[in-house]
N, C-alpha and C. Protein backbone atom coordinates (compact mmCIF):
# COMPACT_ATOMS: atom_id res chain seq x y z
N MET A 1 -15.40 -7.64 -9.21
CA MET A 1 -15.29 -6.05 -10.03
C MET A 1 -15.73 -6.44 -11.56
N TYR A 2 -17.09 -6.13 -12.21
CA TYR A 2 -16.60 -6.81 -13.82
C TYR A 2 -16.15 -4.83 -14.38
N THR A 3 -15.77 -5.08 -14.99
CA THR A 3 -15.79 -4.07 -16.12
C THR A 3 -15.20 -3.75 -17.17
N LYS A 4 -15.13 -2.86 -18.18
CA LYS A 4 -15.24 -2.82 -19.19
C LYS A 4 -14.41 -1.99 -20.28
N GLY A 5 -13.11 -1.80 -20.78
CA GLY A 5 -12.26 -0.61 -20.96
C GLY A 5 -11.94 -0.35 -19.70
N GLU A 6 -12.41 0.80 -19.07
CA GLU A 6 -11.68 1.62 -17.95
C GLU A 6 -13.08 2.03 -17.49
N ARG A 7 -14.03 0.96 -17.64
CA ARG A 7 -15.02 1.46 -16.83
C ARG A 7 -15.95 0.71 -15.63
N VAL A 8 -15.46 0.87 -14.79
CA VAL A 8 -16.36 -0.34 -13.46
C VAL A 8 -17.88 -0.75 -14.13
N LEU A 9 -18.27 -1.74 -14.00
CA LEU A 9 -19.83 -2.29 -14.57
C LEU A 9 -20.57 -1.69 -13.02
N ARG A 10 -20.08 -3.24 -12.22
CA ARG A 10 -20.33 -3.07 -11.02
C ARG A 10 -19.58 -4.21 -10.29
N ILE A 11 -20.32 -3.68 -8.69
CA ILE A 11 -19.04 -4.74 -7.65
C ILE A 11 -19.80 -5.41 -6.90
N GLU A 12 -19.61 -6.84 -6.93
CA GLU A 12 -20.50 -7.42 -5.78
C GLU A 12 -19.58 -8.05 -4.85
N VAL A 13 -20.47 -8.85 -3.97
CA VAL A 13 -19.34 -9.29 -2.64
C VAL A 13 -20.13 -10.88 -2.97
N ILE A 14 -19.36 -11.40 -2.91
CA ILE A 14 -19.35 -12.62 -3.05
C ILE A 14 -18.89 -14.19 -1.56
N VAL A 15 -19.76 -14.57 -0.47
CA VAL A 15 -19.55 -15.35 0.44
C VAL A 15 -19.37 -16.44 0.25
N HIS A 16 -18.15 -16.96 0.35
CA HIS A 16 -18.02 -18.30 0.09
C HIS A 16 -18.65 -19.23 1.45
N ASN A 17 -18.42 -18.63 2.79
CA ASN A 17 -18.77 -18.95 3.95
C ASN A 17 -18.94 -18.17 4.92
N THR A 18 -20.88 -18.23 4.95
CA THR A 18 -21.53 -17.07 5.92
C THR A 18 -20.59 -17.40 7.27
N LYS A 19 -20.27 -18.44 7.80
CA LYS A 19 -19.95 -18.35 9.37
C LYS A 19 -18.88 -17.98 9.54
N ALA A 20 -18.25 -17.17 9.00
CA ALA A 20 -16.64 -16.11 8.81
C ALA A 20 -17.68 -14.77 9.00
N LEU A 21 -18.94 -14.35 8.52
CA LEU A 21 -19.51 -12.99 9.04
C LEU A 21 -19.68 -12.69 10.00
N ARG A 22 -19.93 -13.88 10.89
CA ARG A 22 -20.19 -14.16 12.91
C ARG A 22 -21.66 -12.99 12.74
N CYS A 23 -22.35 -13.22 12.27
CA CYS A 23 -23.92 -12.99 12.53
C CYS A 23 -25.71 -13.56 12.33
N GLY A 24 -24.61 -15.27 12.32
CA GLY A 24 -25.44 -15.98 11.96
C GLY A 24 -25.39 -16.67 10.25
N ARG A 25 -26.49 -18.06 10.29
CA ARG A 25 -27.08 -18.52 8.97
C ARG A 25 -27.88 -19.03 9.30
N ARG A 26 -28.63 -18.71 9.71
CA ARG A 26 -30.39 -18.86 9.90
C ARG A 26 -30.71 -18.31 9.03
N LEU A 27 -31.78 -18.71 8.05
CA LEU A 27 -32.70 -17.70 7.23
C LEU A 27 -33.05 -16.19 8.07
N GLU A 28 -33.36 -16.53 8.96
CA GLU A 28 -33.38 -15.00 9.29
C GLU A 28 -32.88 -13.86 9.80
N ARG A 29 -32.22 -14.54 9.76
CA ARG A 29 -30.29 -13.90 9.89
C ARG A 29 -29.95 -13.10 8.62
N PHE A 30 -30.80 -13.93 7.47
CA PHE A 30 -30.56 -13.03 5.93
C PHE A 30 -30.23 -11.35 6.38
N PRO A 31 -31.34 -10.54 6.59
CA PRO A 31 -31.08 -9.15 6.83
C PRO A 31 -29.62 -8.86 7.33
N GLN A 32 -29.45 -9.29 8.34
CA GLN A 32 -28.26 -8.86 9.40
C GLN A 32 -27.26 -9.32 8.01
N ILE A 33 -27.00 -10.29 7.25
CA ILE A 33 -26.17 -10.88 6.21
C ILE A 33 -25.88 -9.63 5.24
N VAL A 34 -26.85 -9.35 4.96
CA VAL A 34 -27.13 -7.94 3.63
C VAL A 34 -26.18 -6.81 4.47
N VAL A 35 -26.78 -6.35 5.24
CA VAL A 35 -25.84 -5.05 6.08
C VAL A 35 -24.59 -5.17 6.42
N ARG A 36 -23.86 -6.77 6.76
CA ARG A 36 -22.72 -7.39 7.01
C ARG A 36 -21.83 -7.33 5.22
N LEU A 37 -22.28 -7.39 4.93
CA LEU A 37 -22.34 -7.51 2.61
C LEU A 37 -22.27 -6.37 2.98
N HIS A 38 -22.66 -5.37 2.73
CA HIS A 38 -22.57 -4.21 2.34
C HIS A 38 -22.08 -3.18 2.93
N ALA A 39 -22.18 -2.85 4.42
CA ALA A 39 -20.51 -2.82 4.94
C ALA A 39 -19.61 -2.87 4.82
N ILE A 40 -19.02 -4.53 4.04
CA ILE A 40 -17.86 -5.10 3.08
C ILE A 40 -17.51 -4.08 2.27
N LEU A 41 -18.70 -3.78 1.32
CA LEU A 41 -18.90 -3.30 0.07
C LEU A 41 -18.12 -1.47 0.15
N GLU A 42 -19.09 -1.32 1.64
CA GLU A 42 -18.64 0.27 1.01
C GLU A 42 -16.78 0.53 1.52
N ARG A 43 -16.42 -0.19 2.39
CA ARG A 43 -14.88 0.03 2.94
C ARG A 43 -13.98 -0.38 2.43
N PHE A 44 -14.82 -1.31 1.21
CA PHE A 44 -13.71 -1.47 -0.27
C PHE A 44 -13.84 -0.43 -0.71
N LEU A 45 -14.79 -0.02 -1.86
CA LEU A 45 -14.71 0.83 -2.21
C LEU A 45 -14.21 2.39 -1.35
N GLY A 46 -14.64 2.48 -0.36
CA GLY A 46 -13.51 3.47 0.60
C GLY A 46 -11.84 3.81 0.19
N ASN A 47 -11.58 2.75 0.60
CA ASN A 47 -10.26 1.82 0.54
C ASN A 47 -9.77 2.32 -1.04
N VAL A 48 -10.05 1.56 -1.57
CA VAL A 48 -9.76 1.63 -3.69
C VAL A 48 -9.75 3.77 -3.77
N TYR A 49 -10.56 4.21 -3.28
CA TYR A 49 -10.56 5.57 -3.26
C TYR A 49 -9.84 6.43 -2.73
N CYS A 50 -9.22 5.68 -1.51
CA CYS A 50 -8.13 6.52 -0.41
C CYS A 50 -6.97 6.22 -1.57
N MET A 51 -6.85 5.30 -1.97
CA MET A 51 -5.67 4.13 -3.11
C MET A 51 -5.67 5.15 -4.00
N ASP A 52 -6.07 5.44 -4.96
CA ASP A 52 -6.63 6.06 -6.53
C ASP A 52 -6.21 7.35 -6.22
N ALA A 53 -6.44 8.30 -4.73
CA ALA A 53 -6.62 9.82 -3.57
C ALA A 53 -5.28 9.48 -3.15
N ALA A 54 -3.81 8.98 -3.44
CA ALA A 54 -2.75 8.60 -2.68
C ALA A 54 -2.32 10.04 -2.34
N PHE A 55 -2.01 10.36 -1.20
CA PHE A 55 -1.28 11.45 -1.15
C PHE A 55 -0.51 11.74 0.81
N ILE A 56 1.34 12.12 0.42
CA ILE A 56 2.13 12.46 1.64
C ILE A 56 2.26 13.61 2.04
N SER A 57 2.53 14.58 2.89
CA SER A 57 3.29 15.17 2.69
C SER A 57 4.41 15.30 2.88
N ASN A 58 5.27 16.20 2.59
CA ASN A 58 6.97 16.94 2.30
C ASN A 58 7.24 16.24 4.53
N GLU A 59 6.60 17.25 5.23
CA GLU A 59 6.42 16.69 6.76
C GLU A 59 6.32 15.19 7.08
N THR A 60 5.29 14.91 6.80
CA THR A 60 5.33 12.95 7.12
C THR A 60 6.34 12.64 6.59
N LEU A 61 6.68 12.81 4.98
CA LEU A 61 7.87 12.18 4.14
C LEU A 61 9.28 11.89 5.22
N ASN A 62 9.56 13.07 5.61
CA ASN A 62 10.82 13.75 6.54
C ASN A 62 10.59 13.01 7.51
N GLN A 63 9.54 12.61 7.92
CA GLN A 63 9.19 12.14 9.64
C GLN A 63 9.27 10.63 9.47
N LEU A 64 9.13 9.64 8.44
CA LEU A 64 9.33 8.51 8.47
C LEU A 64 10.27 8.18 9.12
N PRO A 65 12.02 8.23 9.08
CA PRO A 65 12.92 7.30 8.97
C PRO A 65 12.83 7.84 10.74
N HIS A 66 12.15 8.67 10.90
CA HIS A 66 12.84 8.78 12.68
C HIS A 66 12.09 8.06 13.46
N SER A 67 12.04 7.66 14.56
CA SER A 67 12.01 6.97 15.52
C SER A 67 10.60 7.58 16.55
N SER A 68 10.01 6.47 16.73
CA SER A 68 8.82 7.20 17.47
C SER A 68 8.77 6.30 18.73
N GLN A 69 7.42 6.96 19.64
CA GLN A 69 7.21 6.57 20.95
C GLN A 69 5.89 4.94 20.85
N VAL A 70 5.98 3.78 20.98
CA VAL A 70 4.16 3.34 21.09
C VAL A 70 3.67 2.95 22.56
N GLY A 71 2.97 3.36 23.08
CA GLY A 71 3.21 2.97 24.88
C GLY A 71 4.96 3.76 25.40
N ASN A 72 5.23 3.07 25.82
CA ASN A 72 6.50 2.93 26.87
C ASN A 72 7.47 2.74 26.58
N THR A 73 7.50 2.28 24.92
CA THR A 73 8.13 0.88 24.11
C THR A 73 9.23 2.46 22.82
N ARG A 74 9.81 2.70 23.10
CA ARG A 74 10.79 3.05 22.00
C ARG A 74 10.98 2.31 20.59
N VAL A 75 10.38 2.66 18.96
CA VAL A 75 10.70 1.82 18.07
C VAL A 75 11.27 2.57 17.13
N GLY A 76 12.08 2.35 16.15
CA GLY A 76 12.77 2.80 14.94
C GLY A 76 11.60 3.06 14.09
N GLY A 77 12.50 3.63 12.91
CA GLY A 77 11.77 4.68 11.87
C GLY A 77 11.52 3.77 11.10
N ILE A 78 10.71 4.54 9.83
CA ILE A 78 10.84 3.56 8.65
C ILE A 78 11.24 3.96 7.28
N ASP A 79 12.53 2.81 7.13
CA ASP A 79 13.29 3.51 6.47
C ASP A 79 12.79 2.69 4.42
N VAL A 80 12.53 4.00 3.52
CA VAL A 80 11.42 3.49 2.44
C VAL A 80 12.83 2.17 0.95
N ASN A 81 13.85 3.07 2.27
CA ASN A 81 14.89 2.63 1.06
C ASN A 81 15.11 1.04 1.08
N LYS A 82 14.66 0.60 2.67
CA LYS A 82 15.31 -1.28 2.34
C LYS A 82 14.00 -1.53 1.97
N PRO A 83 14.63 -2.44 1.17
CA PRO A 83 13.69 -3.61 0.81
C PRO A 83 12.20 -4.43 1.33
N ARG A 84 13.19 -5.09 2.89
CA ARG A 84 11.86 -5.36 3.17
C ARG A 84 10.75 -4.39 3.70
N THR A 85 11.17 -2.91 4.28
CA THR A 85 10.23 -2.08 4.32
C THR A 85 8.98 -2.32 4.00
N ARG A 86 9.90 -1.87 2.19
CA ARG A 86 8.61 -2.15 0.75
C ARG A 86 8.21 -3.08 0.55
N VAL A 87 8.25 -4.00 0.80
CA VAL A 87 7.47 -5.28 1.30
C VAL A 87 6.22 -5.41 2.24
N VAL A 88 6.33 -4.69 2.52
CA VAL A 88 5.60 -4.62 4.36
C VAL A 88 4.46 -3.32 4.05
N LEU A 89 4.90 -2.89 3.42
CA LEU A 89 4.38 -1.48 2.96
C LEU A 89 3.62 -1.92 2.12
N SER A 90 3.52 -2.99 1.37
CA SER A 90 2.78 -3.20 -0.34
C SER A 90 1.75 -4.35 0.13
N ALA A 91 2.64 -5.13 1.50
CA ALA A 91 1.58 -6.18 2.01
C ALA A 91 0.66 -5.79 2.73
N VAL A 92 0.68 -4.92 3.69
CA VAL A 92 -0.42 -3.83 4.34
C VAL A 92 -1.49 -3.36 3.52
N LEU A 93 -0.72 -2.91 2.28
CA LEU A 93 -1.60 -2.02 2.18
C LEU A 93 -2.73 -2.83 0.74
N GLY A 94 -1.89 -3.81 0.97
CA GLY A 94 -2.99 -5.05 0.65
C GLY A 94 -3.88 -6.03 1.39
N LEU A 95 -3.88 -5.98 2.13
CA LEU A 95 -4.40 -6.48 3.12
C LEU A 95 -5.48 -5.49 4.00
N ALA A 96 -5.46 -4.36 3.51
CA ALA A 96 -6.26 -2.86 4.47
C ALA A 96 -7.80 -3.32 3.78
N CYS A 97 -7.90 -4.34 3.10
CA CYS A 97 -9.31 -4.14 3.08
C CYS A 97 -10.03 -5.31 3.44
N ALA A 98 -9.26 -6.09 4.01
CA ALA A 98 -9.84 -7.27 5.16
C ALA A 98 -10.72 -6.90 5.93
N PRO A 99 -12.18 -7.51 5.93
CA PRO A 99 -13.56 -6.69 6.82
C PRO A 99 -12.81 -6.24 8.75
N ASP A 100 -12.42 -7.58 9.01
CA ASP A 100 -12.02 -7.46 10.40
C ASP A 100 -10.53 -7.56 10.56
N GLY A 101 -9.93 -7.08 9.41
CA GLY A 101 -8.64 -6.07 9.54
C GLY A 101 -7.80 -7.93 9.73
N PHE A 102 -6.18 -7.26 9.94
CA PHE A 102 -5.89 -8.73 9.56
C PHE A 102 -4.59 -9.07 11.12
N THR A 103 -3.87 -10.16 10.99
CA THR A 103 -3.02 -10.09 12.18
C THR A 103 -1.13 -10.33 11.80
N ALA A 104 -0.73 -10.65 13.13
CA ALA A 104 0.71 -10.35 12.09
C ALA A 104 1.22 -11.73 11.14
N GLY A 105 0.24 -12.58 11.77
CA GLY A 105 0.51 -13.62 11.09
C GLY A 105 0.24 -13.68 9.61
N GLN A 106 -0.71 -13.32 8.77
CA GLN A 106 -1.23 -12.89 7.87
C GLN A 106 -0.69 -12.07 7.08
N LEU A 107 0.01 -10.79 7.76
CA LEU A 107 0.89 -10.03 7.50
C LEU A 107 2.05 -10.93 6.86
N ALA A 108 2.83 -11.43 7.34
CA ALA A 108 3.72 -12.80 7.63
C ALA A 108 4.03 -13.19 6.51
N ALA A 109 2.55 -13.92 6.34
CA ALA A 109 2.27 -14.73 4.92
C ALA A 109 2.34 -14.31 4.03
N THR A 110 1.56 -12.90 3.56
CA THR A 110 1.16 -12.27 2.60
C THR A 110 2.69 -11.76 2.53
N VAL A 111 3.23 -11.10 3.35
CA VAL A 111 4.78 -10.96 2.75
C VAL A 111 5.38 -12.00 2.02
N GLN A 112 5.51 -13.26 2.37
CA GLN A 112 6.08 -14.09 2.07
C GLN A 112 5.89 -14.72 1.04
N SER A 113 4.62 -14.44 0.44
CA SER A 113 3.77 -14.98 -0.74
C SER A 113 4.36 -14.08 -2.04
N THR A 114 5.34 -13.19 -1.24
CA THR A 114 4.82 -11.92 -2.96
C THR A 114 6.36 -12.58 -3.61
N ARG A 115 6.89 -11.97 -4.95
CA ARG A 115 8.28 -12.41 -5.51
C ARG A 115 9.47 -12.00 -5.14
N GLU A 116 8.23 -10.03 -4.39
CA GLU A 116 9.88 -9.52 -3.95
C GLU A 116 10.34 -9.61 -2.06
N ALA A 117 9.73 -10.72 -1.80
CA ALA A 117 10.39 -11.32 -0.59
C ALA A 117 11.83 -11.09 -0.03
N THR A 118 12.36 -10.56 0.43
CA THR A 118 14.08 -11.10 0.46
C THR A 118 14.05 -11.54 1.49
N ASP A 119 13.56 -11.98 2.95
CA ASP A 119 14.01 -12.90 4.51
C ASP A 119 12.81 -13.87 4.16
N PRO A 120 13.70 -15.01 3.71
CA PRO A 120 12.56 -16.37 4.28
C PRO A 120 12.57 -16.77 5.63
N THR A 121 12.67 -16.25 6.74
CA THR A 121 12.54 -16.03 7.74
C THR A 121 12.13 -15.02 8.42
N TYR A 122 10.92 -14.38 7.94
CA TYR A 122 10.55 -13.63 8.12
C TYR A 122 9.36 -13.92 7.96
N ASP A 123 8.93 -13.96 9.71
CA ASP A 123 7.64 -14.35 10.54
C ASP A 123 6.48 -13.43 11.00
N ALA A 124 5.47 -14.45 11.51
CA ALA A 124 4.86 -12.99 12.90
C ALA A 124 5.36 -12.10 13.36
N ARG A 125 6.96 -12.51 14.22
CA ARG A 125 7.53 -12.08 15.57
C ARG A 125 8.16 -10.65 14.88
N ARG A 126 8.78 -10.91 13.41
CA ARG A 126 9.77 -9.49 12.86
C ARG A 126 7.66 -8.99 12.18
N ALA A 127 6.75 -9.42 11.61
CA ALA A 127 5.83 -8.65 11.38
C ALA A 127 5.36 -8.25 12.58
N ALA A 128 5.17 -8.52 13.57
CA ALA A 128 4.54 -7.71 14.95
C ALA A 128 5.44 -6.51 14.35
N TYR A 129 6.67 -6.47 14.80
CA TYR A 129 8.22 -5.99 15.04
C TYR A 129 7.30 -4.33 14.10
N ASP A 130 7.20 -5.34 12.82
CA ASP A 130 7.53 -3.87 11.49
C ASP A 130 6.03 -2.74 11.62
N LEU A 131 4.26 -3.86 12.32
CA LEU A 131 3.83 -3.52 12.64
C LEU A 131 3.56 -2.39 13.76
N LYS A 132 4.55 -2.70 14.58
CA LYS A 132 4.69 -1.74 16.18
C LYS A 132 5.11 -0.06 15.45
N LYS A 133 6.01 -0.96 14.43
CA LYS A 133 6.46 0.39 13.93
C LYS A 133 5.78 1.32 12.84
N LEU A 134 5.14 0.87 12.43
CA LEU A 134 3.48 1.36 11.13
C LEU A 134 3.26 1.93 12.53
N ARG A 135 2.50 1.96 13.56
CA ARG A 135 1.82 2.47 14.24
C ARG A 135 2.44 3.00 15.29
N GLY A 136 3.46 3.53 15.10
CA GLY A 136 4.38 4.41 15.53
C GLY A 136 4.10 5.59 14.77
N LYS A 137 3.50 5.73 13.55
CA LYS A 137 3.75 6.93 12.20
C LYS A 137 2.41 6.76 11.97
N ASN A 138 1.69 5.96 12.78
CA ASN A 138 -0.07 6.37 12.80
C ASN A 138 -0.56 5.56 11.53
N LEU A 139 0.07 4.73 10.81
CA LEU A 139 -0.37 4.15 9.81
C LEU A 139 -0.53 2.84 9.90
N VAL A 140 -0.78 2.35 11.01
CA VAL A 140 -1.24 0.92 11.70
C VAL A 140 -2.35 1.55 12.45
N SER A 141 -3.04 0.59 13.12
CA SER A 141 -4.16 0.99 14.10
C SER A 141 -4.49 -1.08 15.17
N LYS A 142 -4.53 -0.30 16.29
CA LYS A 142 -4.81 -2.04 17.11
C LYS A 142 -5.66 -1.51 17.34
N LEU A 143 -6.75 -3.19 16.74
CA LEU A 143 -8.33 -3.07 17.68
C LEU A 143 -8.75 -3.41 18.68
N ASP A 144 -9.30 -2.97 19.69
CA ASP A 144 -9.23 -2.96 20.74
C ASP A 144 -9.87 -4.29 20.98
N ASN A 145 -8.71 -4.82 22.11
CA ASN A 145 -9.56 -6.38 22.65
C ASN A 145 -8.99 -7.10 21.64
N SER A 146 -7.99 -7.15 21.03
CA SER A 146 -7.53 -8.10 19.95
C SER A 146 -6.54 -8.26 19.41
N ARG A 147 -5.81 -8.63 19.30
CA ARG A 147 -3.95 -9.17 18.37
C ARG A 147 -4.98 -8.72 17.16
N ARG A 148 -6.10 -8.31 15.93
CA ARG A 148 -5.77 -8.19 14.92
C ARG A 148 -5.30 -6.41 14.80
N TYR A 149 -5.09 -6.32 13.37
CA TYR A 149 -4.80 -4.49 12.59
C TYR A 149 -5.63 -4.14 11.79
N CYS A 150 -5.85 -2.73 12.43
CA CYS A 150 -6.50 -2.58 10.61
C CYS A 150 -5.77 -0.68 10.15
N VAL A 151 -5.96 -0.71 9.35
CA VAL A 151 -5.62 0.65 8.38
C VAL A 151 -6.33 1.63 8.02
N ALA A 152 -5.84 3.06 8.61
CA ALA A 152 -7.15 4.36 8.26
C ALA A 152 -7.16 4.66 7.01
N PRO A 153 -8.54 5.32 6.34
CA PRO A 153 -8.64 5.45 5.30
C PRO A 153 -6.73 6.59 5.14
N LYS A 154 -6.98 8.15 6.11
CA LYS A 154 -5.64 8.43 5.64
C LYS A 154 -4.27 7.64 5.29
N ALA A 155 -4.10 6.61 6.20
CA ALA A 155 -2.89 5.90 6.48
C ALA A 155 -2.75 5.58 5.19
N ILE A 156 -4.51 4.41 4.24
CA ILE A 156 -3.88 4.17 3.39
C ILE A 156 -3.42 5.16 1.90
N ARG A 157 -4.14 6.45 2.03
CA ARG A 157 -3.78 7.70 2.03
C ARG A 157 -1.72 7.67 1.51
N THR A 158 -1.36 7.68 2.60
CA THR A 158 0.11 7.56 2.85
C THR A 158 0.92 6.45 2.18
N ILE A 159 0.72 5.12 2.71
CA ILE A 159 1.02 3.86 2.17
C ILE A 159 1.62 4.17 0.63
N ALA A 160 -0.08 4.59 0.69
CA ALA A 160 -0.28 3.95 -1.44
C ALA A 160 1.18 5.41 -1.64
N ALA A 161 1.01 6.25 -1.31
CA ALA A 161 1.60 7.24 -2.20
C ALA A 161 3.18 7.04 -2.07
N VAL A 162 3.60 6.31 -0.80
CA VAL A 162 5.23 5.70 -0.65
C VAL A 162 5.74 5.45 -1.12
N VAL A 163 4.54 4.01 -1.56
CA VAL A 163 4.55 3.00 -2.73
C VAL A 163 4.23 3.49 -3.97
N ILE A 164 3.60 4.32 -4.24
CA ILE A 164 4.17 5.24 -5.75
C ILE A 164 5.35 5.68 -6.29
N LEU A 165 5.27 6.48 -5.19
CA LEU A 165 6.19 7.37 -5.49
C LEU A 165 7.52 6.71 -6.09
N ARG A 166 7.69 5.90 -4.53
CA ARG A 166 8.89 4.94 -5.05
C ARG A 166 9.49 4.38 -6.31
N GLU A 167 8.35 3.85 -6.45
CA GLU A 167 8.30 2.56 -7.98
C GLU A 167 7.97 2.79 -8.89
N LYS A 168 6.78 3.76 -9.45
CA LYS A 168 6.61 4.40 -10.40
C LYS A 168 6.73 6.05 -10.89
N VAL A 169 7.84 6.81 -9.56
CA VAL A 169 8.30 7.84 -10.23
C VAL A 169 9.48 8.21 -10.22
N ILE A 170 9.99 7.67 -8.97
CA ILE A 170 11.42 8.02 -8.72
C ILE A 170 12.17 7.32 -9.35
N ARG A 171 11.93 5.69 -9.06
CA ARG A 171 13.18 4.74 -9.69
C ARG A 171 13.27 5.05 -11.44
N PRO A 172 11.77 5.30 -11.97
CA PRO A 172 11.72 4.77 -13.27
C PRO A 172 12.36 5.94 -14.09
N ILE A 173 12.36 7.05 -13.00
CA ILE A 173 13.12 8.84 -14.02
C ILE A 173 14.61 8.26 -13.40
N LEU A 174 15.11 8.20 -12.37
CA LEU A 174 16.24 7.92 -11.55
C LEU A 174 17.29 6.92 -13.27
N ALA A 175 15.94 5.68 -13.11
CA ALA A 175 16.98 4.34 -14.41
C ALA A 175 17.11 5.69 -16.32
N GLY A 176 16.00 6.36 -16.18
CA GLY A 176 16.36 6.51 -17.25
C GLY A 176 17.09 8.44 -17.81
N VAL A 177 17.11 9.23 -16.39
CA VAL A 177 17.99 9.97 -16.36
C VAL A 177 19.24 10.34 -17.02
N GLY A 178 20.15 9.02 -17.06
CA GLY A 178 21.44 8.47 -17.65
C GLY A 178 21.25 8.05 -18.76
N LYS A 179 20.49 8.67 -19.55
CA LYS A 179 20.27 7.98 -20.93
C LYS A 179 19.64 9.83 -22.05
N PRO A 180 20.94 10.35 -22.27
CA PRO A 180 20.46 11.70 -23.11
C PRO A 180 19.07 11.44 -23.78
N LYS A 181 19.42 10.56 -25.11
CA LYS A 181 18.45 10.25 -25.93
C LYS A 181 17.86 8.94 -25.58
N MET A 182 16.54 9.04 -26.11
CA MET A 182 15.61 8.52 -25.88
C MET A 182 15.43 7.22 -27.32
N GLY A 183 16.00 6.10 -27.31
CA GLY A 183 15.83 4.51 -27.88
C GLY A 183 14.34 4.71 -28.88
N ARG A 184 14.30 3.55 -29.75
CA ARG A 184 13.08 3.60 -30.62
C ARG A 184 12.38 3.35 -29.65
N LYS A 185 10.78 4.44 -29.89
CA LYS A 185 10.20 4.41 -29.61
C LYS A 185 8.72 3.35 -29.72
N PRO A 186 8.86 2.57 -28.49
CA PRO A 186 7.47 1.78 -28.17
C PRO A 186 6.79 1.81 -28.99
N LYS A 187 6.26 0.53 -29.46
CA LYS A 187 4.71 0.65 -30.62
C LYS A 187 3.34 0.99 -30.10
N THR A 188 3.48 0.50 -28.52
CA THR A 188 2.38 0.79 -27.25
C THR A 188 3.03 2.60 -26.35
N TRP A 189 2.57 3.30 -26.88
CA TRP A 189 2.78 4.75 -26.02
C TRP A 189 1.76 5.08 -25.56
N SER A 190 2.02 5.32 -24.00
CA SER A 190 0.56 6.03 -23.67
C SER A 190 0.59 7.22 -23.13
N PRO A 191 -0.17 7.94 -22.32
CA PRO A 191 0.36 9.08 -22.16
C PRO A 191 1.01 9.66 -20.83
N ILE A 192 0.76 8.58 -19.86
CA ILE A 192 1.82 8.14 -19.02
C ILE A 192 2.88 8.23 -19.47
N ASP A 193 3.60 7.67 -20.57
CA ASP A 193 4.81 7.31 -21.42
C ASP A 193 4.95 8.96 -21.69
N GLU A 194 4.47 9.61 -21.69
CA GLU A 194 4.74 11.11 -22.43
C GLU A 194 5.31 12.14 -21.32
N HIS A 195 4.47 11.96 -20.13
CA HIS A 195 5.35 12.28 -18.89
C HIS A 195 6.32 11.96 -18.91
N TYR A 196 6.54 10.10 -18.44
CA TYR A 196 7.93 10.10 -18.26
C TYR A 196 9.04 10.47 -19.20
N GLU A 197 8.85 10.80 -20.21
CA GLU A 197 9.79 10.79 -21.60
C GLU A 197 10.29 12.85 -21.36
N ALA A 198 8.35 13.51 -21.13
CA ALA A 198 9.18 14.95 -20.52
C ALA A 198 9.89 14.82 -19.46
N ILE A 199 9.75 14.55 -18.16
CA ILE A 199 10.39 14.34 -17.68
C ILE A 199 11.69 13.52 -17.12
N ARG A 200 11.69 12.75 -18.12
CA ARG A 200 13.48 12.29 -18.50
C ARG A 200 13.86 13.76 -18.45
N GLN A 201 13.74 14.40 -19.70
CA GLN A 201 14.31 15.15 -20.42
C GLN A 201 14.58 16.54 -19.58
N ASP A 202 13.77 16.77 -18.73
CA ASP A 202 13.74 17.54 -17.76
C ASP A 202 14.66 17.40 -16.60
N MET A 203 14.66 16.37 -16.15
CA MET A 203 15.70 15.84 -14.99
C MET A 203 17.56 15.67 -15.41
N PHE A 204 17.36 15.47 -17.13
CA PHE A 204 18.65 15.54 -17.82
C PHE A 204 19.64 16.80 -17.55
N THR A 205 18.63 17.62 -17.92
CA THR A 205 19.22 19.17 -18.36
C THR A 205 19.07 19.68 -16.54
N LEU A 206 18.73 19.81 -15.82
CA LEU A 206 18.39 19.78 -14.91
C LEU A 206 20.06 19.32 -13.24
N MET A 207 20.28 18.15 -13.77
CA MET A 207 21.73 17.54 -13.27
C MET A 207 22.63 17.83 -13.79
N GLU A 208 22.51 18.58 -15.28
CA GLU A 208 23.27 19.35 -15.50
C GLU A 208 23.98 20.39 -15.41
N ASP A 209 22.72 21.46 -15.02
CA ASP A 209 23.08 22.38 -14.17
C ASP A 209 23.19 22.59 -13.19
N LEU A 210 23.16 21.10 -12.14
CA LEU A 210 23.10 20.93 -10.58
C LEU A 210 24.69 20.52 -10.88
N ARG A 211 25.29 19.87 -12.19
CA ARG A 211 26.92 19.45 -12.11
C ARG A 211 26.65 18.00 -11.31
N ILE A 212 25.53 17.07 -11.53
CA ILE A 212 25.64 16.19 -10.82
C ILE A 212 25.29 14.76 -11.50
N ALA A 213 25.91 14.28 -11.68
CA ALA A 213 26.99 12.94 -12.57
C ALA A 213 25.39 11.94 -12.91
N ALA A 214 24.78 12.07 -14.22
CA ALA A 214 24.13 10.66 -13.86
C ALA A 214 24.31 9.87 -13.87
């Protein structure tokens, strides 16, 4: 992606190994390669749009912690308060753009590569269990006749909303609500910082009215 400031100038697809496209490598196959690359780009842009327009309904948010059914198996719910769950959701979001989906092993490797990884024994078996829980909430789908998984656009919006709500809304607001007055104003102050400060002040007043200790 080539950007200038807040604008995207153009997006290109680079192929390091055409064999991975599984549509042949001979010159006469070039049109099929172009079609395949175009599909990859379209999928990527669609996923980026879903991440940018994240949304989760109150009903979905309330249903996440409850158990669900996958085939004949009953699996646990999704507790976003657990560090492992948050890391897995972020990893799934990162793998959502994979053209051919991803495996449980790739999810485990992605989780282990993050700085937030909390379980050194997290492997493909644990990843498969987490994927089954996500399947129970329709956040991940299993590709037919395959051991690979994919994330639908609607599920991308839901996962992104869960991650953003906790890490970019709830967490910073609760961290700052215990301070009645802000310290020295930083030199770099963006419109988002203005929103955070306004919400922090309103939340402090609300918690006082509700008699909730900050």
